[in-house]
Amino acid sequence: MKKLFVSLIILLIAGAVVFGFGYVPIRLEPGTQALMFSRTSGWDSETLRPGAFAWRWQLLVPKNVTLYHFPMETRTLTVSNSTALPSADLYRDYLEGTPSFEQRVELRIRYRLSDTGITELAPSGLRPEGLDGWYDDFDDRISSVVLDTVSATLDRMVNEGFEGSLTDAVLDPVEARIEERFPEITLQTVVPEEIALPDLELYALARETYRAVQEQRENILREFTAATTSDEARRDQRLETLARYGEILDRHPVLLEYLEIAAQHESDPLNIQQLQSVIE
């Protein structure tokens, strides 16, 4: 009986040791999540978090496993833009007071690297020591996408108008675009520090006034071109007629004497006085 009890104790101790070797949370650093790579199984399919039960048999094999610890930190990025509405410099000159059509947007974005991002990026070469550099490059990418989205959203608001909250009209497309474009992060918040638009109705009036003026100028230019073309056609026809009469007079120089006599006597028996008026 005593031998059975001792054997049971030994088995329990051995089991505890085996369990301890394979129990993951005791190997994790505070404030981090880890992704496991083992020589026997390759990359794990999910991240490991402190406080969450996880046991891996691969840890029982000496020097088989490497745990990559990624900090569960939140990244804060400020994206700002201040530009004039399209062709504002042209349009505002057609209104009294030359109003400003400048738009200003400043957004504070909070995000962190998602579990999916770690499981996809680590096998491609992302390591904890290179995370700061990856964040710097990613900030540039997300800033570019956010600014493009804001610009397209504001242009649509100018052309089509909008209803409801100005803040929601800008933030909703930005949040949707970030989540669609960047599955490797978890978007936490997009906080508007500033969203300022000029008077869109006044801008629309200035734009329509400019277009009306341009249309009138085009109409005047078309009429002038048509009149000029008609004058050139008549002039070409007159020159062609003169060229034909010139050929006739070269062949029949006596007609010049006839025209001179007809002019002196104010008579034109041959009815060719029209030639003289053309020549003159």
Protein backbone atom coordinates (compact mmCIF):
# COMPACT_ATOMS: atom_id res chain seq x y z
CA MET A 1 0.00 0.00 0.00
CA LYS A 2 2.83 2.30 0.91
CA LYS A 3 4.55 1.56 -2.45
CA LEU A 4 1.32 2.37 -4.30
CA PHE A 5 1.01 5.64 -2.45
CA VAL A 6 4.64 6.57 -3.18
CA SER A 7 4.17 5.67 -6.86
CA LEU A 8 1.06 7.82 -7.00
CA ILE A 9 2.93 10.75 -5.48
CA ILE A 10 5.76 10.32 -7.99
CA LEU A 11 3.26 10.22 -10.87
CA LEU A 12 1.58 13.37 -9.60
CA ILE A 13 4.89 15.16 -9.29
CA ALA A 14 5.94 14.00 -12.75
CA GLY A 15 2.59 15.07 -14.15
CA ALA A 16 2.91 18.47 -12.50
CA VAL A 17 6.40 18.87 -13.92
CA VAL A 18 5.21 17.90 -17.40
CA PHE A 19 2.22 20.19 -17.08
CA GLY A 20 4.45 23.00 -15.88
CA PHE A 21 6.83 22.62 -18.81
CA GLY A 22 3.95 22.78 -21.27
CA TYR A 23 1.93 25.49 -19.52
CA VAL A 24 2.40 28.65 -21.57
CA PRO A 25 1.25 31.57 -19.34
CA ILE A 26 4.15 31.14 -16.92
CA ARG A 27 6.49 31.93 -19.81
CA LEU A 28 4.74 35.15 -20.88
CA GLU A 29 5.93 38.61 -19.98
CA PRO A 30 3.46 41.10 -18.44
CA GLY A 31 1.75 43.38 -20.97
CA THR A 32 2.68 41.21 -23.95
CA GLN A 33 1.15 38.62 -26.19
CA ALA A 34 3.31 35.91 -27.72
CA LEU A 35 3.43 33.87 -30.86
CA MET A 36 5.09 30.48 -30.64
CA PHE A 37 7.40 28.97 -33.21
CA SER A 38 8.55 25.36 -32.83
CA ARG A 39 10.93 23.33 -34.91
CA THR A 40 8.49 20.42 -34.81
CA SER A 41 5.30 22.29 -35.78
CA GLY A 42 6.31 25.67 -37.21
CA TRP A 43 4.31 28.81 -36.40
CA ASP A 44 1.36 28.58 -34.05
CA SER A 45 -2.03 29.63 -35.45
CA GLU A 46 -3.01 31.93 -32.57
CA THR A 47 -1.39 34.30 -30.15
CA LEU A 48 -0.94 33.54 -26.46
CA ARG A 49 -2.03 35.97 -23.74
CA PRO A 50 -1.27 36.19 -20.02
CA GLY A 51 -4.12 34.84 -17.91
CA ALA A 52 -5.57 32.70 -20.69
CA PHE A 53 -5.08 28.95 -20.33
CA ALA A 54 -2.78 27.48 -22.95
CA TRP A 55 -0.72 24.31 -22.96
CA ARG A 56 1.63 23.19 -25.73
CA TRP A 57 3.29 19.80 -25.92
CA GLN A 58 6.04 21.29 -28.09
CA LEU A 59 7.45 22.93 -24.96
CA LEU A 60 8.36 19.50 -23.60
CA VAL A 61 11.04 19.10 -26.27
CA PRO A 62 14.24 20.94 -25.21
CA LYS A 63 15.26 23.90 -27.41
CA ASN A 64 12.27 23.26 -29.67
CA VAL A 65 10.26 26.41 -29.04
CA THR A 66 10.84 30.14 -29.44
CA LEU A 67 8.27 32.60 -28.06
CA TYR A 68 8.13 36.02 -29.68
CA HIS A 69 6.69 38.56 -27.23
CA PHE A 70 4.85 41.49 -28.79
CA PRO A 71 3.79 44.37 -26.47
CA MET A 72 0.03 44.91 -26.25
CA GLU A 73 0.46 48.66 -26.57
CA THR A 74 -1.88 51.19 -28.09
CA ARG A 75 -0.49 53.39 -30.80
CA THR A 76 -1.69 57.02 -31.17
CA LEU A 77 -1.45 58.78 -34.52
CA THR A 78 -2.53 62.33 -35.38
CA VAL A 79 -3.53 63.01 -38.98
CA SER A 80 -4.20 66.59 -40.02
CA ASN A 81 -4.95 68.35 -43.27
CA SER A 82 -5.67 71.94 -44.22
CA THR A 83 -6.50 72.66 -47.85
CA ALA A 84 -8.75 74.85 -49.92
CA LEU A 85 -11.77 73.44 -51.71
CA PRO A 86 -11.15 72.60 -55.40
CA SER A 87 -10.50 75.71 -57.55
CA ALA A 88 -11.36 77.94 -54.60
CA ASP A 89 -8.92 80.65 -55.78
CA LEU A 90 -10.86 80.94 -59.05
CA TYR A 91 -14.35 80.81 -57.61
CA ARG A 92 -14.03 83.24 -54.71
CA ASP A 93 -13.10 86.15 -57.01
CA TYR A 94 -16.67 86.05 -58.32
CA LEU A 95 -18.13 86.91 -54.90
CA GLU A 96 -17.92 90.09 -52.90
CA GLY A 97 -15.44 90.03 -50.07
CA THR A 98 -13.40 87.11 -51.53
CA PRO A 99 -14.37 84.64 -48.76
CA SER A 100 -12.04 81.84 -47.66
CA PHE A 101 -12.94 78.31 -48.79
CA GLU A 102 -10.39 76.48 -46.64
CA GLN A 103 -11.22 73.17 -44.96
CA ARG A 104 -9.40 71.91 -41.85
CA VAL A 105 -9.44 68.38 -40.44
CA GLU A 106 -7.42 66.91 -37.57
CA LEU A 107 -8.06 63.36 -36.33
CA ARG A 108 -6.47 61.41 -33.49
CA ILE A 109 -6.39 57.68 -34.24
CA ARG A 110 -5.75 54.99 -31.62
CA TYR A 111 -4.99 51.44 -32.71
CA ARG A 112 -2.91 48.40 -31.87
CA LEU A 113 -1.50 45.42 -33.71
CA SER A 114 -4.21 42.75 -33.86
CA ASP A 115 -3.89 39.02 -33.19
CA THR A 116 -4.43 38.43 -36.91
CA GLY A 117 -1.70 40.93 -37.70
CA ILE A 118 0.82 39.15 -35.50
CA THR A 119 0.01 35.67 -36.85
CA GLU A 120 0.31 36.94 -40.43
CA LEU A 121 3.26 39.33 -40.11
CA ALA A 122 5.58 37.35 -37.80
CA PRO A 123 6.05 34.48 -40.30
CA SER A 124 6.88 37.17 -42.89
CA GLY A 125 9.70 38.57 -40.77
CA LEU A 126 8.18 40.95 -38.21
CA ARG A 127 9.95 40.67 -34.86
CA PRO A 128 9.38 42.50 -31.55
CA GLU A 129 12.67 44.38 -31.88
CA GLY A 130 11.57 45.69 -35.30
CA LEU A 131 8.09 46.74 -34.21
CA ASP A 132 8.93 50.46 -33.81
CA GLY A 133 10.17 50.67 -37.39
CA TRP A 134 7.10 48.80 -38.63
CA TYR A 135 4.86 51.25 -36.75
CA ASP A 136 6.64 54.23 -38.34
CA ASP A 137 6.08 52.85 -41.84
CA PHE A 138 2.52 51.86 -41.01
CA ASP A 139 1.74 55.35 -39.69
CA ASP A 140 2.68 56.75 -43.10
CA ARG A 141 0.42 54.21 -44.84
CA ILE A 142 -2.58 54.84 -42.63
CA SER A 143 -2.10 58.63 -42.84
CA SER A 144 -2.16 58.47 -46.65
CA VAL A 145 -5.35 56.39 -46.68
CA VAL A 146 -7.06 58.60 -44.10
CA LEU A 147 -6.23 61.82 -45.97
CA ASP A 148 -7.45 60.36 -49.28
CA THR A 149 -10.67 59.24 -47.61
CA VAL A 150 -11.23 62.60 -45.94
CA SER A 151 -10.60 64.44 -49.22
CA ALA A 152 -13.02 62.21 -51.16
CA THR A 153 -15.63 62.52 -48.41
CA LEU A 154 -15.42 66.31 -48.29
CA ASP A 155 -15.61 66.56 -52.09
CA ARG A 156 -18.74 64.40 -52.06
CA MET A 157 -20.26 66.55 -49.32
CA VAL A 158 -19.59 69.67 -51.40
CA ASN A 159 -21.13 68.20 -54.54
CA GLU A 160 -24.02 66.23 -53.02
CA GLY A 161 -24.55 67.84 -49.62
CA PHE A 162 -25.07 65.89 -46.41
CA GLU A 163 -27.53 65.48 -43.60
CA GLY A 164 -26.97 64.98 -39.90
CA SER A 165 -23.77 65.50 -37.97
CA LEU A 166 -20.73 66.91 -39.76
CA THR A 167 -18.48 64.86 -37.49
CA ASP A 168 -20.26 61.59 -38.29
CA ALA A 169 -20.27 62.41 -41.99
CA VAL A 170 -16.45 62.52 -41.90
CA LEU A 171 -15.65 59.88 -39.26
CA ASP A 172 -17.89 57.05 -40.49
CA PRO A 173 -16.15 56.71 -43.91
CA VAL A 174 -12.72 57.03 -42.27
CA GLU A 175 -13.38 54.26 -39.74
CA ALA A 176 -14.90 51.98 -42.38
CA ARG A 177 -11.95 52.53 -44.72
CA ILE A 178 -9.35 51.82 -42.01
CA GLU A 179 -11.03 48.59 -40.95
CA GLU A 180 -11.40 47.48 -44.56
CA ARG A 181 -7.88 48.33 -45.64
CA PHE A 182 -5.89 47.28 -42.54
CA PRO A 183 -7.03 43.98 -41.00
CA GLU A 184 -3.63 43.70 -39.30
CA ILE A 185 -4.65 46.27 -36.70
CA THR A 186 -7.48 46.69 -34.22
CA LEU A 187 -8.95 50.18 -34.52
CA GLN A 188 -9.90 51.51 -31.11
CA THR A 189 -11.01 55.10 -31.62
CA VAL A 190 -10.97 57.94 -34.12
CA VAL A 191 -11.28 61.20 -32.21
CA PRO A 192 -11.94 64.44 -34.11
CA GLU A 193 -9.71 67.20 -32.80
CA GLU A 194 -10.99 69.61 -35.44
CA ILE A 195 -13.36 69.41 -38.40
CA ALA A 196 -14.06 72.76 -40.06
CA LEU A 197 -15.71 73.37 -43.41
CA PRO A 198 -16.36 76.67 -45.17
CA ASP A 199 -19.85 77.79 -46.17
CA LEU A 200 -20.72 75.10 -48.74
CA GLU A 201 -23.73 77.01 -50.10
CA LEU A 202 -21.58 80.08 -50.71
CA TYR A 203 -18.96 77.89 -52.39
CA ALA A 204 -21.64 76.34 -54.63
CA LEU A 205 -22.88 79.82 -55.58
CA ALA A 206 -19.35 80.97 -56.46
CA ARG A 207 -18.78 77.83 -58.53
CA GLU A 208 -22.04 78.23 -60.47
CA THR A 209 -21.30 81.92 -61.07
CA TYR A 210 -17.87 81.05 -62.42
CA ARG A 211 -19.33 78.40 -64.71
CA ALA A 212 -22.01 80.78 -65.99
CA VAL A 213 -19.38 83.41 -66.81
CA GLN A 214 -17.22 80.85 -68.59
CA GLU A 215 -20.19 79.60 -70.58
CA GLN A 216 -21.02 83.16 -71.67
CA ARG A 217 -17.40 83.71 -72.71
CA GLU A 218 -17.49 80.52 -74.77
CA ASN A 219 -20.69 81.64 -76.49
CA ILE A 220 -19.14 85.00 -77.36
CA LEU A 221 -16.00 83.28 -78.64
CA ARG A 222 -18.05 80.93 -80.82
CA GLU A 223 -19.99 83.86 -82.28
CA PHE A 224 -16.79 85.79 -82.94
CA THR A 225 -15.18 82.75 -84.56
CA ALA A 226 -18.23 82.21 -86.77
CA ALA A 227 -18.26 85.89 -87.84
CA THR A 228 -14.52 85.86 -88.52
CA THR A 229 -14.84 82.70 -90.56
CA SER A 230 -17.65 84.27 -92.62
CA ASP A 231 -15.59 87.43 -93.26
CA GLU A 232 -12.62 85.33 -94.32
CA ALA A 233 -14.82 83.32 -96.69
CA ARG A 234 -16.15 86.52 -98.32
CA ARG A 235 -12.65 87.93 -98.59
CA ASP A 236 -11.37 84.71 -100.17
CA GLN A 237 -14.26 84.78 -102.61
CA ARG A 238 -13.54 88.44 -103.50
CA LEU A 239 -9.86 87.65 -104.07
CA GLU A 240 -10.79 84.71 -106.24
CA THR A 241 -13.11 86.95 -108.29
CA LEU A 242 -10.39 89.57 -108.65
CA ALA A 243 -7.97 86.87 -109.76
CA ARG A 244 -10.38 85.78 -112.48
CA TYR A 245 -10.90 89.39 -113.68
CA GLY A 246 -7.18 89.90 -113.62
CA GLU A 247 -6.74 86.96 -115.95
CA ILE A 248 -9.40 88.41 -118.27
CA LEU A 249 -7.73 91.83 -118.36
CA ASP A 250 -4.34 90.23 -119.00
CA ARG A 251 -5.79 88.45 -122.01
CA HIS A 252 -7.88 91.46 -123.12
CA PRO A 253 -6.10 94.72 -122.14
CA VAL A 254 -8.48 96.65 -124.41
CA LEU A 255 -11.12 96.24 -121.68
CA LEU A 256 -9.21 98.69 -119.50
CA GLU A 257 -9.59 101.36 -122.17
CA TYR A 258 -13.29 100.49 -122.50
CA LEU A 259 -13.85 100.88 -118.79
CA GLU A 260 -12.10 104.24 -118.74
CA ILE A 261 -14.21 105.54 -121.65
CA ALA A 262 -17.39 104.18 -120.05
CA ALA A 263 -16.56 105.96 -116.83
CA GLN A 264 -15.98 109.25 -118.62
CA HIS A 265 -19.29 109.03 -120.49
CA GLU A 266 -21.20 107.44 -117.61
CA SER A 267 -22.40 104.67 -119.86
CA ASP A 268 -21.80 100.96 -120.04
CA PRO A 269 -23.18 99.51 -123.28
CA LEU A 270 -21.65 96.10 -122.55
CA ASN A 271 -22.87 96.13 -118.92
CA ILE A 272 -19.46 95.25 -117.48
CA GLN A 273 -19.24 98.19 -115.07
CA GLN A 274 -19.39 95.63 -112.28
CA LEU A 275 -15.83 94.66 -113.14
CA GLN A 276 -14.61 98.18 -112.31
CA SER A 277 -16.30 98.13 -108.88
CA VAL A 278 -14.72 94.76 -108.12
CA ILE A 279 -11.30 96.04 -109.15
CA GLU A 280 -11.69 99.14 -107.01
